[in-house]
Amino acid sequence: MTFHFTPRASREFEDFLEALEAELEIPPSRYEAAERSYHSVGDWLNRPESKLQRFEPQVYVQGSFRLGTAIKPLSEKDEYDVDAICEMRRMAKEHYSQSQLKDMLGNELATYVEERGMNKPASERRRCWTLHYADGSQFHLDVTPAVPQGDDGRRLLRMIGVPPELTGAAIAITDREHANYRRISSDWPRSNPKGYCEWFKSRMSAVLARRKAAMAATRAEVERIPDYKVRTPLQSAIKLLKRHRDIMFSGSPDEAPISIIITTLSAHAYRGEETTADALTRVLTDMRDYILVGRDGVHRIPNPTDPEENFADKWQEKPELRNAFDEWLERARTDFQSVSRSRDRKQIAWVMSRAMGTIPVDRILQKHPITVADNLPVRIRDFGRDLVMRANHRRAPRWPNAPAGQARIEEATFTRDGFRPERLQSEGRILEKGGDLRFVAHTTVPAPYRVYWQIVNTGTDAERANGLRGSFEYFEKGGLTKKESTKFGGPHSIECFIVKNGRLAARSGAFVVTIR
């Protein structure tokens, strides 16, 4: 598919993108709570009684919170994931093993949790310790222990092409799967979150400076304005792309393109565009150009602050991840480009509701109503069947086509307490919540074969419960019979797929039900 940069978005589209970003934005209170938390950990580690105080521990945030690209979780019940580094500025990796450092930090955090009366103990993960805060806080803090990279490590980074101004804050981190995890060695996993952040900011430095100065003219001195309160078109575009990714892969999150790939390719592609729409179009047009393919066919997305690290390293062992990225990029291009010049707010809302989720779009429609005939306001439910049949999280069949018969859903039944079972027709009457559904398929494909079902649900109920589905489900038992419930409101579909010898032999066609 050929995709051309066309920076002439309509005002209506630009306004809708800005409203979408506002809905995805993490409230300042969350940033401030996260900041208080990692500062509190830092203060604890630097107290006189701390066994780590002599190493001058410094705790600082990394990842999307540092870059200003964090977004709300897909479900309102999910926690924010805040990543932090705990760097021992006076510890050398030649004197301690990774496991020793991690255990020392773990012991201090265990005492911190006890003294603060936290409900759950710190849990150990591959590279970090996780602090679990009270439910009302709605976030957890991943603290990764680290030491300075040292002169030799920084010299190596400069030798492989990293600019000197980005190497000074390079660190070495712990990883319990590393070969030298339990041995004292100069060979530790490398990381450079501060350097990456500086590189990222350099990609938008001119726009960031202008926007910061504009805020300072009415609020405060420039240096007193934290970066997370300033938003550039690059950051906005990345947040929109991350939510588009979250919706598309809500039923199969393990296949979703990882955030560091989206962020790195977007930053490479950005050219200082002044609006979110233009930045989004530029990024979608050019980001693929920064995926390197060697003569050996290996795809590489180098870390700009450590080119030996390949953010796409898993693509080689799992080609389905590369395919998923390609599928996502093409879908994102189609979705945003299809309405970028539209002045029809209803059309924009319809496309964005299936691409970005119904919750943020529904909130936008409530705050900024769109009216149609008879001055009636547009609502998400008005999009009906098209919303479910063209939902972004509806995955395409992964099997090659090899017709060997037919399939159909020959019986669909709805039951609820106090009522007789009711036979259903596809796109029939609107069903009540709290009932049960039973679908029975029939096929003329000769056995043996495998039966897969694809349930695609939509609507704010499913999104809030993190219950969007769109992938293929296989059950050893049950086969041609599938039971579901009318738990979530909105239009939903179910389809039966018959797979024989690894090929798609027949499919029933979608059966659509609407629940309210």
Foldseek 3Di string as FASTA:
>chain_A
DAADQDPDFDPLLLVVLVLLLVQFDDDVVLLVVVVVVQVVLLVLCCDPVHPLNVLNWDKDWFDCSLQLQHTADLAVQAAAETEMETERANDALLVAAQQVQQVSSLVSQQVVCVVVVADDRWDDDFFFTKADHDSVSRYIYTYWYKYQLDPVSLVVLVVVPAPNVLSRRKIFTAGNVDPRRHPRDSDGHIDRRPSLSVLLCVLQVVVLVVQLVVCCVPPNDSVVDDSSVGDALLSSLLNQLVLLQCQQCLAPVVLGQDSVLSSLLLSVQADNDRGNLSSNSSSLNRSVVQFDADPVRDTFNARSSHRVDGSCVCCVVPVSSVVNVVVSSVVSSCLSVVNRHPPDSVVNLLSCCLRRHQVSSQVVCVVPFDADPPRDTDGNQVSAPVSQVVRSNADDDPFAADAQWEKAFPWKWKDAPPDDIDTDAFVDDAAEADIKMKIAMDIPRDDDWFKKKAKAFGDDQCSNVSNGTRDIDGDPPPTRMDMDGRHDFHKMWMKMFIGDPRHTHYIHDIRIHGYD
